[in-house]
């Protein structure tokens, strides 16, 4: 009886981990949004304005401009919110 409970518990944990990993993968940032962010950063010097994002995914190796504060944050933007004026570039 104890052996059956242990097997059921192991299978339940494995299923929970699998579902969590699947859900985490579905929320990943697309290559298109990363390309748009790179274009915005590249064009900021000449245009003096840059695309900002109202929503972004926190990511330590990427940076994007948050619309609320018009400051860079660690993350990858996925929903454009408008533009921020960038002076002194």
Protein backbone atom coordinates (compact mmCIF):
# COMPACT_ATOMS: atom_id res chain seq x y z
CA UNK A 1 0.00 0.00 0.00
CA UNK A 2 2.82 2.43 0.85
CA UNK A 3 4.54 1.58 -2.42
CA UNK A 4 1.41 2.52 -4.38
CA UNK A 5 1.15 5.87 -2.59
CA UNK A 6 4.80 6.65 -3.33
CA UNK A 7 4.33 5.81 -7.01
CA UNK A 8 1.21 7.99 -7.22
CA UNK A 9 3.05 10.86 -5.50
CA UNK A 10 6.02 10.60 -7.89
CA UNK A 11 3.73 10.56 -10.93
CA UNK A 12 1.80 13.57 -9.59
CA UNK A 13 4.98 15.57 -9.04
CA UNK A 14 6.25 14.66 -12.52
CA UNK A 15 2.96 15.78 -14.07
CA UNK A 16 3.02 19.06 -12.14
CA UNK A 17 6.59 19.79 -13.24
CA UNK A 18 5.72 18.98 -16.87
CA UNK A 19 2.69 21.27 -16.85
CA UNK A 20 4.70 24.08 -15.24
CA UNK A 21 7.49 23.80 -17.82
CA UNK A 22 4.95 23.81 -20.66
CA UNK A 23 3.25 26.93 -19.28
CA UNK A 24 6.61 28.66 -18.81
CA UNK A 25 7.57 27.94 -22.43
CA UNK A 26 4.30 29.37 -23.75
CA UNK A 27 5.06 32.77 -22.18
CA UNK A 28 8.46 33.18 -23.82
CA UNK A 29 9.34 36.29 -25.79
CA UNK A 30 9.17 35.97 -29.57
CA UNK A 31 12.07 36.76 -31.90
CA UNK A 32 9.93 39.43 -33.57
CA UNK A 33 9.53 41.48 -30.39
CA UNK A 34 13.26 41.20 -29.67
CA UNK A 35 14.04 42.43 -33.20
CA UNK A 36 11.68 45.39 -32.77
CA UNK A 37 13.37 46.27 -29.49
CA UNK A 38 16.81 46.13 -31.13
CA UNK A 39 15.60 48.37 -33.99
CA UNK A 40 14.22 50.87 -31.51
CA UNK A 41 17.49 50.98 -29.61
CA UNK A 42 19.49 51.38 -32.83
CA UNK A 43 17.29 54.20 -34.12
CA UNK A 44 17.23 56.14 -30.85
CA UNK A 45 20.35 58.19 -31.61
CA UNK A 46 18.96 59.75 -34.76
CA UNK A 47 15.27 59.99 -33.90
CA UNK A 48 15.66 61.27 -30.31
CA UNK A 49 12.67 59.13 -29.36
CA UNK A 50 12.46 55.45 -28.66
CA UNK A 51 9.72 52.87 -28.44
CA UNK A 52 8.72 52.11 -24.88
CA UNK A 53 6.86 49.10 -23.60
CA UNK A 54 3.82 49.02 -21.34
CA UNK A 55 4.44 45.33 -20.62
CA UNK A 56 7.69 43.44 -20.47
CA UNK A 57 9.08 40.18 -19.20
CA UNK A 58 11.84 40.51 -16.61
CA UNK A 59 15.09 39.18 -18.05
CA UNK A 60 18.56 39.90 -16.63
CA UNK A 61 20.44 39.87 -19.95
CA UNK A 62 18.06 42.21 -21.85
CA UNK A 63 17.03 45.84 -21.43
CA UNK A 64 13.95 47.72 -22.58
CA UNK A 65 12.40 51.13 -21.96
CA UNK A 66 9.43 51.16 -19.59
CA UNK A 67 6.72 53.66 -20.62
CA UNK A 68 5.61 54.66 -17.13
CA UNK A 69 9.02 55.98 -16.07
CA UNK A 70 10.80 56.28 -19.46
CA UNK A 71 13.72 54.47 -17.84
CA UNK A 72 15.50 51.29 -18.87
CA UNK A 73 14.63 48.13 -16.97
CA UNK A 74 15.96 44.57 -17.11
CA UNK A 75 13.54 42.87 -19.43
CA UNK A 76 12.27 42.17 -22.92
CA UNK A 77 9.32 44.27 -24.01
CA UNK A 78 6.39 42.57 -25.69
CA UNK A 79 3.60 45.16 -25.78
CA UNK A 80 4.38 48.57 -27.23
CA UNK A 81 3.03 51.45 -25.22
CA UNK A 82 4.23 54.45 -27.20
CA UNK A 83 7.42 56.50 -27.32
CA UNK A 84 9.67 58.20 -24.85
CA UNK A 85 11.69 61.30 -25.69
CA UNK A 86 15.37 60.68 -25.13
CA UNK A 87 17.54 63.76 -24.86
CA UNK A 88 21.31 64.16 -24.78
CA UNK A 89 22.25 61.15 -26.87
